[in-house]
Protein backbone atom coordinates (compact mmCIF):
# COMPACT_ATOMS: atom_id res chain seq x y z
CA MET A 1 14.67 29.57 -144.64
CA SER A 2 16.45 30.67 -147.78
CA ALA A 3 14.56 31.07 -151.05
CA PRO A 4 15.94 28.94 -153.92
CA TYR A 5 16.45 32.06 -156.07
CA PRO A 6 16.31 35.87 -155.76
CA ARG A 7 12.96 37.67 -155.80
CA LEU A 8 12.50 39.85 -158.90
CA ALA A 9 10.96 43.31 -158.60
CA VAL A 10 10.46 46.37 -160.82
CA ARG A 11 10.69 50.01 -159.79
CA ALA A 12 9.80 53.32 -161.44
CA ILE A 13 11.92 56.43 -161.84
CA ILE A 14 9.17 59.03 -162.17
CA LYS A 15 10.11 62.70 -162.39
CA HIS A 16 7.83 65.70 -162.58
CA GLU A 17 9.00 69.31 -162.71
CA GLY A 18 12.52 68.34 -161.61
CA ARG A 19 11.34 66.21 -158.69
CA LEU A 20 11.57 62.44 -158.18
CA LEU A 21 8.70 60.44 -156.68
CA LEU A 22 9.60 58.45 -153.56
CA VAL A 23 7.49 56.15 -151.43
CA ASN A 24 8.11 54.76 -147.96
CA ALA A 25 9.99 51.47 -147.90
CA TYR A 26 8.35 50.30 -144.66
CA ALA A 27 4.80 50.93 -143.43
CA ASP A 28 6.14 51.74 -139.95
CA PRO A 29 6.31 55.57 -139.78
CA THR A 30 9.30 55.39 -137.41
CA LYS A 31 11.37 53.94 -140.27
CA PRO A 32 12.13 56.87 -142.59
CA LEU A 33 13.67 54.90 -145.48
CA MET A 34 12.27 55.89 -148.90
CA CYS A 35 12.56 54.22 -152.30
CA ALA A 36 11.14 54.39 -155.81
CA PRO A 37 7.63 52.95 -156.24
CA GLY A 38 7.35 49.39 -157.48
CA GLY A 39 7.27 45.80 -156.32
CA GLY A 40 7.30 42.13 -157.08
CA VAL A 41 6.93 40.69 -160.54
CA GLU A 42 4.05 38.31 -161.19
CA ARG A 43 4.78 35.27 -163.35
CA GLY A 44 3.33 35.49 -166.85
CA SER A 45 3.15 39.30 -166.91
CA ALA A 46 5.63 41.49 -168.77
CA LEU A 47 7.95 43.68 -166.68
CA PRO A 48 6.35 46.96 -167.92
CA ASP A 49 2.87 45.62 -167.14
CA ASN A 50 4.00 44.64 -163.65
CA LEU A 51 5.44 48.10 -163.11
CA LYS A 52 2.31 49.91 -164.30
CA ARG A 53 0.28 47.74 -161.89
CA GLU A 54 2.62 48.39 -158.95
CA VAL A 55 2.71 52.16 -159.47
CA TRP A 56 -1.09 52.22 -159.70
CA GLU A 57 -1.49 50.09 -156.56
CA GLU A 58 0.95 52.16 -154.51
CA CYS A 59 0.24 55.68 -155.77
CA GLY A 60 -2.86 55.70 -157.96
CA LEU A 61 -0.78 57.06 -160.84
CA ASP A 62 -0.86 55.90 -164.45
CA VAL A 63 2.56 55.71 -166.09
CA GLU A 64 4.13 54.93 -169.43
CA VAL A 65 7.12 52.64 -168.89
CA GLY A 66 10.27 53.62 -170.77
CA ALA A 67 13.84 52.39 -170.91
CA PRO A 68 15.53 50.38 -168.18
CA CYS A 69 18.13 52.38 -166.25
CA LEU A 70 19.28 50.46 -163.17
CA VAL A 71 19.79 46.95 -161.92
CA ASN A 72 20.12 46.85 -158.13
CA GLU A 73 20.28 43.90 -155.82
CA PHE A 74 20.14 43.63 -152.07
CA HIS A 75 20.00 40.90 -149.50
CA ASP A 76 19.69 40.13 -145.84
CA PRO A 77 23.15 38.87 -144.83
CA ASN A 78 21.60 37.21 -141.74
CA GLY A 79 18.76 35.53 -143.60
CA GLY A 80 17.71 34.13 -146.94
CA PHE A 81 16.22 37.23 -148.56
CA HIS A 82 17.80 38.33 -151.86
CA GLN A 83 16.04 40.66 -154.31
CA VAL A 84 16.93 42.01 -157.74
CA ASP A 85 15.25 45.30 -158.66
CA LEU A 86 14.99 46.43 -162.28
CA TYR A 87 14.39 50.18 -162.57
CA PHE A 88 12.75 51.86 -165.56
CA HIS A 89 12.34 55.52 -166.47
CA CYS A 90 8.60 56.26 -166.52
CA ALA A 91 6.46 59.16 -167.70
CA LEU A 92 3.19 60.20 -166.14
CA ASN A 93 -0.05 59.74 -168.08
CA GLY A 94 -2.04 62.52 -166.46
CA ALA A 95 -1.63 64.55 -163.31
CA ALA A 96 1.18 64.12 -160.77
CA ALA A 97 -1.08 64.73 -157.78
CA ILE A 98 -1.55 61.73 -155.53
CA ASP A 99 -4.90 61.54 -153.77
CA PRO A 100 -4.11 61.86 -150.03
CA ASP A 101 -6.80 59.25 -149.37
CA TRP A 102 -5.20 56.69 -151.74
CA ARG A 103 -4.54 53.36 -150.02
CA ASP A 104 -2.07 50.70 -151.10
CA ARG A 105 -3.99 47.42 -151.08
CA GLU A 106 -1.00 45.69 -149.43
CA ALA A 107 -0.89 48.44 -146.76
CA ILE A 108 2.85 49.02 -147.18
CA VAL A 109 3.03 52.33 -149.01
CA ASN A 110 1.38 55.08 -146.98
CA ARG A 111 3.66 58.06 -147.65
CA TRP A 112 4.73 59.75 -150.91
CA ARG A 113 7.16 62.57 -151.58
CA TRP A 114 8.27 64.43 -154.69
CA VAL A 115 11.89 65.44 -154.02
CA THR A 116 14.54 67.54 -155.74
CA GLN A 117 18.07 66.24 -156.06
CA ASP A 118 19.11 68.26 -153.00
CA GLU A 119 16.16 66.95 -150.97
CA LEU A 120 16.99 63.38 -152.01
CA ALA A 121 20.50 63.83 -150.62
CA GLN A 122 18.93 64.67 -147.23
CA THR A 123 16.39 61.81 -147.32
CA PRO A 124 17.24 58.28 -146.16
CA HIS A 125 16.79 56.20 -149.32
CA LYS A 126 17.89 53.09 -151.15
CA PRO A 127 19.55 52.20 -153.39
CA ASP A 128 22.60 54.39 -153.04
CA SER A 129 22.66 54.90 -156.83
CA LEU A 130 19.13 56.39 -156.99
CA ALA A 131 20.32 60.00 -157.48
CA ALA A 132 22.69 59.03 -160.30
CA VAL A 133 19.87 57.34 -162.18
CA ALA A 134 17.19 59.96 -161.51
CA PHE A 135 19.29 63.08 -161.97
CA GLY A 136 22.27 61.84 -163.99
CA PRO A 137 22.81 61.58 -167.75
CA GLU A 138 19.94 60.20 -169.78
CA PHE A 139 20.21 56.79 -171.39
CA SER A 140 22.82 55.47 -168.99
CA VAL A 141 22.29 52.11 -167.35
CA ILE A 142 23.82 51.42 -163.95
CA TYR A 143 24.47 48.20 -162.08
CA ASP A 144 24.46 48.71 -158.31
CA PRO A 145 25.93 45.52 -156.83
CA LEU A 146 24.68 43.51 -153.89
CA GLU A 147 24.20 45.55 -150.73
CA PRO A 148 22.77 44.62 -147.33
CA ILE A 149 19.10 45.33 -146.70
CA VAL A 150 18.39 48.32 -144.43
CA ARG A 151 15.90 47.89 -141.62
């Protein structure tokens, strides 16, 4: 069944010492797809507040949410799923170390990686524009149009 409108989510571009934080997109370890941390927006909560909550839930990290930098949307061409992700540059409040015993309460995120630009190029990830946003010119905003979901 198709949803009446797209799902809205927020995602964090967090860099530390020239590396970008990635999390697994699927809990199944046989699916290697990685993405930026984040998740669904809760009604009545500001986008930055949602993002701080999502990053904490998935990684146990406290962040300061900065400027928006990417609008990406994806969908399932064989189903009704359509999501719009709003990405924001974020800065760490505190250490970059993620406790290896940290557990995502939704049990989706169970792997984290800090990657260089070269490592990102070798890592299956979405969206395709992630490198341009994370390692490209500051203060640019990118729109990455509708792409099929990867399973």
